[in-house]
């Protein structure tokens, strides 16, 4: 007998079950640096956050947003160990939590954070026969903290070459603040006009610095040096120019009053043949005074002690004050000589603002 085989039935219209999506909410707010209250808060650009186990980064203005299920368990953590969240909407960061729905009711969320790496004042010191910028820092955390080079940790420079340290070792409990540092060559921070510009940003905070940049105490075999607060050399240049113009004005006024017979080429000779060359020499002398200079007990290696050319600067003024005038000017000579004493006193006052000798570690 042949057995009967019953075919297995097939189903061509199996129903698809679509799960009902859970209601969602958006949580948004701002991350600010330290405890600066609004409206003067300083945004923390590109702050990395972990919200409900999801990674999110703030934008350039410290703004962040994230969409979650309304019943998601929400808490906030820093996305990097070097950044610590301190307060959220006025509460401690650890205690601020809840469901997505509950937390979104507190929008906008205001998060304050601080860097666990404290930046110290920038300074300079010679290493390997070259002047370097030192970037001091303090890490009181009990582990090495990593901040990759990029939007959270960067240096601006004329050359665009230097990058900051990325691994910050912990500072010992028995050492002073800013005892740890990294360095980069000073030459990378010299602007085309010869000025110095260096900036180190860490979590949006700019490392502090003084101007001119001081030597680092007890570093690079330096020590015992302090910044020479040099006056603006343009004051000296303007004084010599004004002295020359005063003499020219006396001669011109005497001619207008008919006291002397002045040919037009006399004043031109005075200004162009006598004054202009002296002013050019004076400008060169003033430019020889370094922009960054220091007073040191002894000259460090890779540095040089130079004299401020006070005598040569004074000689440029004297050359103008003592110039020989044509005989036609003789009736005004008594007025012209009266300018000299006050001009010399003012020059001495201006030069007394400079030390006789300064130390420089750069040709700039």
Protein backbone atom coordinates (compact mmCIF):
# COMPACT_ATOMS: atom_id res chain seq x y z
CA UNK A 1 0.00 0.00 0.00
CA UNK A 2 1.44 3.41 -0.96
CA UNK A 3 1.62 5.83 2.02
CA UNK A 4 -0.16 9.16 1.78
CA UNK A 5 2.16 12.19 2.27
CA UNK A 6 0.54 15.31 3.49
CA UNK A 7 2.49 18.47 2.40
CA UNK A 8 3.62 20.94 5.11
CA UNK A 9 1.52 24.06 4.86
CA UNK A 10 3.30 27.36 4.02
CA UNK A 11 2.32 30.82 5.21
CA UNK A 12 2.90 33.68 2.85
CA UNK A 13 1.34 36.51 4.88
CA UNK A 14 3.09 36.31 8.25
CA UNK A 15 2.04 39.42 10.21
CA UNK A 16 4.86 41.87 11.18
CA UNK A 17 4.76 43.12 14.74
CA UNK A 18 6.19 46.67 15.04
CA UNK A 19 7.08 47.65 18.59
CA UNK A 20 5.57 50.88 19.78
CA UNK A 21 8.38 53.47 20.12
CA UNK A 22 8.93 54.76 23.61
CA UNK A 23 8.28 58.47 24.14
CA UNK A 24 11.51 60.49 23.95
CA UNK A 25 12.71 63.75 25.43
CA UNK A 26 15.59 66.08 24.62
CA UNK A 27 17.96 67.19 27.35
CA UNK A 28 20.03 70.28 26.57
CA UNK A 29 22.13 72.84 28.34
CA UNK A 30 25.56 74.41 28.70
CA UNK A 31 28.93 73.52 30.19
CA UNK A 32 30.85 76.38 31.78
CA UNK A 33 34.33 76.59 33.21
CA UNK A 34 34.88 76.72 36.97
CA UNK A 35 32.32 78.46 39.16
CA UNK A 36 31.76 81.63 37.16
CA UNK A 37 28.03 82.37 37.52
CA UNK A 38 25.90 83.50 34.59
CA UNK A 39 25.54 85.88 32.84
CA UNK A 40 29.33 86.18 33.00
CA UNK A 41 29.91 82.45 32.60
CA UNK A 42 32.85 81.28 30.51
CA UNK A 43 31.76 78.51 28.11
CA UNK A 44 33.79 75.32 28.05
CA UNK A 45 34.09 74.61 24.32
CA UNK A 46 33.88 71.01 23.10
CA UNK A 47 33.45 69.63 26.61
CA UNK A 48 33.17 65.81 26.46
CA UNK A 49 30.24 64.40 28.47
CA UNK A 50 28.70 61.02 29.16
CA UNK A 51 24.93 61.34 29.59
CA UNK A 52 22.96 58.17 30.36
CA UNK A 53 25.93 56.11 29.15
CA UNK A 54 25.98 57.96 25.81
CA UNK A 55 28.89 60.14 24.74
CA UNK A 56 28.13 63.70 23.69
CA UNK A 57 30.39 66.70 23.06
CA UNK A 58 29.49 70.34 23.55
CA UNK A 59 29.97 72.75 20.68
CA UNK A 60 32.27 75.77 20.51
CA UNK A 61 29.92 77.70 22.81
CA UNK A 62 29.67 74.94 25.41
CA UNK A 63 26.14 73.96 24.26
CA UNK A 64 25.08 70.30 24.23
CA UNK A 65 21.87 68.35 23.56
CA UNK A 66 20.88 64.69 23.55
CA UNK A 67 17.62 62.86 22.88
CA UNK A 68 16.73 59.89 25.14
CA UNK A 69 13.83 57.71 26.09
CA UNK A 70 11.83 59.49 28.74
CA UNK A 71 12.23 56.57 31.16
CA UNK A 72 16.04 56.31 30.65
CA UNK A 73 18.11 56.55 33.80
CA UNK A 74 20.08 59.77 33.44
CA UNK A 75 23.21 60.93 35.19
CA UNK A 76 26.10 63.08 34.01
CA UNK A 77 29.79 62.23 33.93
CA UNK A 78 32.85 63.77 32.36
CA UNK A 79 34.04 62.10 29.20
CA UNK A 80 37.68 62.58 30.20
CA UNK A 81 39.43 62.06 33.54
CA UNK A 82 41.26 65.38 33.34
CA UNK A 83 37.94 67.25 33.50
CA UNK A 84 35.83 67.11 36.65
CA UNK A 85 32.13 67.99 36.76
CA UNK A 86 31.50 69.96 39.94
CA UNK A 87 27.90 71.19 39.96
CA UNK A 88 24.76 70.71 37.87
CA UNK A 89 21.94 73.24 38.21
CA UNK A 90 23.34 74.22 41.58
CA UNK A 91 23.55 70.67 42.95
CA UNK A 92 26.57 68.45 43.33
CA UNK A 93 27.25 66.62 40.08
CA UNK A 94 27.03 63.21 41.80
CA UNK A 95 23.54 63.79 43.16
CA UNK A 96 21.91 65.19 40.03
CA UNK A 97 20.10 62.30 38.32
CA UNK A 98 16.67 60.99 37.42
CA UNK A 99 14.64 59.74 34.50
CA UNK A 100 14.90 61.40 31.14
CA UNK A 101 11.51 63.00 31.69
CA UNK A 102 12.43 64.31 35.13
CA UNK A 103 15.79 65.69 34.04
CA UNK A 104 14.39 67.35 30.90
CA UNK A 105 12.02 69.31 33.12
CA UNK A 106 15.10 71.18 34.39
CA UNK A 107 16.26 72.33 30.93
CA UNK A 108 18.51 74.12 30.27
CA UNK A 109 20.99 72.11 32.28
CA UNK A 110 23.88 74.22 33.55
CA UNK A 111 27.01 72.16 34.24
CA UNK A 112 30.08 73.65 35.85
CA UNK A 113 33.38 71.84 35.43
CA UNK A 114 37.02 72.35 36.27
CA UNK A 115 40.29 71.08 34.93
CA UNK A 116 42.24 68.76 37.21
CA UNK A 117 45.36 70.22 35.57
CA UNK A 118 46.13 73.74 36.79
CA UNK A 119 48.15 75.88 34.36
CA UNK A 120 50.94 77.99 35.83
CA UNK A 121 52.46 81.27 34.64
CA UNK A 122 54.52 80.90 31.48
CA UNK A 123 58.21 81.73 31.70
CA UNK A 124 61.40 81.28 29.72
CA UNK A 125 64.70 79.53 30.35
CA UNK A 126 67.67 78.35 28.27
CA UNK A 127 68.01 74.65 27.57
CA UNK A 128 70.46 73.01 25.18
CA UNK A 129 71.95 76.42 24.32
CA UNK A 130 68.58 77.72 23.17
CA UNK A 131 65.90 79.75 24.85
CA UNK A 132 62.67 77.86 25.53
CA UNK A 133 59.19 78.72 26.74
CA UNK A 134 58.23 76.71 29.80
CA UNK A 135 54.61 75.70 30.38
CA UNK A 136 54.25 74.88 34.10
CA UNK A 137 51.33 72.84 35.39
CA UNK A 138 50.10 71.11 38.54
CA UNK A 139 48.27 67.76 38.61
CA UNK A 140 47.12 66.86 42.12
CA UNK A 141 45.11 63.90 40.84
CA UNK A 142 46.56 60.53 41.82
CA UNK A 143 47.13 59.36 38.25
CA UNK A 144 48.47 60.51 34.91
CA UNK A 145 45.86 62.56 33.08
CA UNK A 146 45.57 62.44 29.32
CA UNK A 147 44.34 65.37 27.21
CA UNK A 148 44.97 64.76 23.49
CA UNK A 149 46.23 67.61 21.35
CA UNK A 150 43.29 69.26 19.60
CA UNK A 151 40.33 71.42 20.51
CA UNK A 152 40.73 70.75 24.25
CA UNK A 153 44.50 71.22 24.40
CA UNK A 154 46.42 73.37 21.93
CA UNK A 155 49.14 76.00 21.56
CA UNK A 156 49.05 78.93 19.17
CA UNK A 157 52.35 80.09 17.67
CA UNK A 158 53.82 81.97 14.73
CA UNK A 159 55.28 78.79 13.24
CA UNK A 160 52.28 76.59 13.98
CA UNK A 161 54.70 73.83 14.96
CA UNK A 162 54.58 73.37 18.76
CA UNK A 163 52.00 71.03 20.24
CA UNK A 164 51.37 70.78 23.99
CA UNK A 165 52.02 67.90 26.33
CA UNK A 166 49.31 65.22 26.22
CA UNK A 167 50.20 63.07 29.23
CA UNK A 168 50.31 65.03 32.49
CA UNK A 169 52.11 63.24 35.26
CA UNK A 170 50.80 63.62 38.83
CA UNK A 171 52.56 66.24 40.96
CA UNK A 172 54.02 64.93 44.19
CA UNK A 173 52.33 65.96 47.41
CA UNK A 174 55.59 67.37 48.72
CA UNK A 175 56.36 69.68 45.78
CA UNK A 176 55.18 73.22 45.15
CA UNK A 177 52.60 74.16 42.55
CA UNK A 178 53.91 74.53 38.99
CA UNK A 179 57.00 72.45 39.71
CA UNK A 180 56.25 70.28 36.66
CA UNK A 181 56.40 71.67 33.14
CA UNK A 182 57.05 71.03 29.50
CA UNK A 183 58.96 73.34 27.13
CA UNK A 184 58.98 74.41 23.51
CA UNK A 185 61.60 76.54 21.63
CA UNK A 186 61.03 80.28 21.93
CA UNK A 187 61.89 80.81 18.25
CA UNK A 188 58.54 79.28 17.28
CA UNK A 189 56.70 82.13 19.00
CA UNK A 190 58.50 85.12 17.45
CA UNK A 191 56.09 87.12 15.28
CA UNK A 192 57.17 88.67 11.94
CA UNK A 193 57.47 92.07 13.65
CA UNK A 194 59.83 90.62 16.28
CA UNK A 195 57.29 90.53 19.10
CA UNK A 196 56.62 87.45 21.20
CA UNK A 197 53.20 85.80 21.27
CA UNK A 198 52.49 82.48 22.94
CA UNK A 199 49.15 81.01 24.06
CA UNK A 200 48.34 77.65 25.65
CA UNK A 201 44.67 76.71 25.90
CA UNK A 202 43.56 73.80 28.08
CA UNK A 203 39.81 73.13 28.30
CA UNK A 204 39.21 76.65 27.03
CA UNK A 205 41.39 78.24 29.73
CA UNK A 206 44.34 80.39 28.64
CA UNK A 207 47.55 79.86 30.60
CA UNK A 208 48.46 83.05 32.49
CA UNK A 209 51.54 85.08 31.60
CA UNK A 210 53.28 88.35 32.36
CA UNK A 211 54.74 90.82 29.90
CA UNK A 212 57.62 90.77 29.28
CA UNK A 213 57.87 87.04 29.84
CA UNK A 214 60.05 86.48 32.95
CA UNK A 215 62.78 83.96 33.44
CA UNK A 216 61.74 80.83 35.30
CA UNK A 217 63.21 80.82 38.78
CA UNK A 218 65.82 78.14 39.38
CA UNK A 219 65.32 76.49 36.00
CA UNK A 220 67.69 75.96 33.11
CA UNK A 221 70.69 76.89 35.27
CA UNK A 222 69.24 80.38 35.44
CA UNK A 223 67.87 81.67 38.73
CA UNK A 224 68.54 85.12 40.15
CA UNK A 225 67.10 86.92 37.12
CA UNK A 226 64.10 89.19 36.89
CA UNK A 227 62.43 91.08 34.10
CA UNK A 228 63.84 94.48 33.14
CA UNK A 229 60.81 96.71 32.73
CA UNK A 230 62.13 98.71 29.79
CA UNK A 231 60.38 101.94 28.91
CA UNK A 232 58.94 102.69 25.50
CA UNK A 233 61.90 103.83 23.32
CA UNK A 234 59.51 105.85 21.16
CA UNK A 235 59.40 108.43 23.97
CA UNK A 236 63.10 109.11 23.40
CA UNK A 237 62.64 109.37 19.66
CA UNK A 238 59.71 111.78 20.02
CA UNK A 239 61.71 113.93 22.45
CA UNK A 240 64.59 114.38 19.97
CA UNK A 241 62.15 115.10 17.13
CA UNK A 242 60.31 117.70 19.23
CA UNK A 243 63.59 119.36 20.25
CA UNK A 244 64.59 119.71 16.60
CA UNK A 245 61.16 121.06 15.65
CA UNK A 246 61.35 123.62 18.45
CA UNK A 247 64.64 124.94 17.07
CA UNK A 248 63.22 125.09 13.56
CA UNK A 249 60.14 126.95 14.82
CA UNK A 250 62.27 129.59 16.56
CA UNK A 251 64.14 130.28 13.33
CA UNK A 252 60.92 130.43 11.29
CA UNK A 253 59.23 132.79 13.76
CA UNK A 254 62.24 135.10 13.78
CA UNK A 255 62.13 135.27 9.99
CA UNK A 256 58.42 136.10 10.00
CA UNK A 257 59.05 138.87 12.52
CA UNK A 258 61.77 140.34 10.31
CA UNK A 259 64.53 139.74 12.88
CA UNK A 260 66.55 137.67 10.42
CA UNK A 261 66.73 137.29 6.68
CA UNK A 262 66.03 133.63 6.07
CA UNK A 263 66.56 131.97 2.74
CA UNK A 264 64.26 129.04 2.08
CA UNK A 265 67.09 126.58 1.74
CA UNK A 266 68.44 127.16 5.28
CA UNK A 267 65.58 125.43 7.05
CA UNK A 268 65.62 122.66 4.46
CA UNK A 269 69.30 122.08 5.08
CA UNK A 270 68.69 122.01 8.80
CA UNK A 271 65.91 119.46 8.61
CA UNK A 272 67.18 117.26 5.81
CA UNK A 273 70.97 117.46 6.04
CA UNK A 274 71.41 117.70 9.81
CA UNK A 275 68.35 116.34 11.60
CA UNK A 276 67.25 113.48 9.33
CA UNK A 277 70.59 111.56 9.48
CA UNK A 278 70.73 111.91 13.26
CA UNK A 279 67.18 110.62 13.61
CA UNK A 280 68.03 107.62 11.43
CA UNK A 281 71.04 106.84 13.64
CA UNK A 282 68.90 107.29 16.75
CA UNK A 283 66.25 104.90 15.45
CA UNK A 284 68.90 102.24 14.81
CA UNK A 285 70.25 102.66 18.34
CA UNK A 286 66.81 102.33 19.91
CA UNK A 287 66.11 99.20 17.89
CA UNK A 288 69.28 97.65 19.28
CA UNK A 289 67.73 97.62 22.75
CA UNK A 290 66.16 94.13 23.08
CA UNK A 291 62.42 93.82 23.42
CA UNK A 292 62.84 91.12 26.07
CA UNK A 293 65.56 91.93 28.58
CA UNK A 294 66.40 90.90 32.13
CA UNK A 295 68.58 91.79 35.09
CA UNK A 296 70.77 88.91 36.27
CA UNK A 297 73.35 88.52 38.99
CA UNK A 298 75.46 86.52 36.55
CA UNK A 299 75.01 85.92 32.85
CA UNK A 300 73.39 82.52 32.19
CA UNK A 301 74.65 80.21 29.49
CA UNK A 302 73.12 80.86 26.05
CA UNK A 303 72.59 84.49 27.10
CA UNK A 304 74.58 87.72 26.79
CA UNK A 305 74.91 90.92 28.81
CA UNK A 306 74.68 94.04 26.66
CA UNK A 307 75.01 97.73 27.46
CA UNK A 308 72.13 100.06 26.75
CA UNK A 309 73.75 102.64 24.38
CA UNK A 310 72.91 105.67 26.52
CA UNK A 311 75.99 107.70 25.51
CA UNK A 312 75.38 107.16 21.82
CA UNK A 313 71.69 108.06 22.20
CA UNK A 314 72.59 111.26 24.04
CA UNK A 315 75.17 112.08 21.36
CA UNK A 316 72.44 112.12 18.71
CA UNK A 317 70.59 114.83 20.62
CA UNK A 318 73.80 116.77 21.24
CA UNK A 319 74.65 116.70 17.55
CA UNK A 320 71.40 118.53 16.84
CA UNK A 321 71.65 120.95 19.75
CA UNK A 322 75.26 121.91 18.88
CA UNK A 323 74.91 122.08 15.11
CA UNK A 324 76.52 125.02 13.31
CA UNK A 325 74.04 127.47 11.89
CA UNK A 326 74.73 129.94 9.06
CA UNK A 327 75.69 133.47 10.13
CA UNK A 328 72.23 134.75 9.12
CA UNK A 329 70.80 132.91 12.15
CA UNK A 330 73.07 134.64 14.65
CA UNK A 331 70.36 137.01 16.02
CA UNK A 332 68.32 133.97 17.16
CA UNK A 333 71.17 131.99 18.70
CA UNK A 334 70.38 133.08 22.26
CA UNK A 335 66.85 131.66 21.89
CA UNK A 336 68.12 128.47 20.31
CA UNK A 337 70.64 127.81 23.09
CA UNK A 338 67.89 128.13 25.69
CA UNK A 339 66.34 124.91 24.39
CA UNK A 340 69.40 122.82 25.22
CA UNK A 341 69.29 122.66 29.07
CA UNK A 342 65.69 121.48 29.24
CA UNK A 343 66.23 119.05 26.36
CA UNK A 344 69.24 117.51 28.11
CA UNK A 345 67.39 117.16 31.42
CA UNK A 346 64.48 115.42 29.73
CA UNK A 347 66.81 113.08 27.86
CA UNK A 348 68.52 112.14 31.13
CA UNK A 349 65.15 111.49 32.75
CA UNK A 350 64.11 109.22 29.90
CA UNK A 351 67.37 107.28 29.89
CA UNK A 352 67.33 106.87 33.67
CA UNK A 353 64.35 104.57 33.16
CA UNK A 354 66.74 102.04 31.61
CA UNK A 355 69.39 99.99 33.42
CA UNK A 356 72.94 100.44 32.17
CA UNK A 357 73.28 96.73 31.32
CA UNK A 358 70.67 94.10 30.54
CA UNK A 359 70.76 90.37 29.79
CA UNK A 360 69.24 88.98 26.64
CA UNK A 361 68.97 85.39 25.46
CA UNK A 362 67.64 86.11 21.99
CA UNK A 363 68.71 88.15 19.01
CA UNK A 364 65.22 89.62 18.90
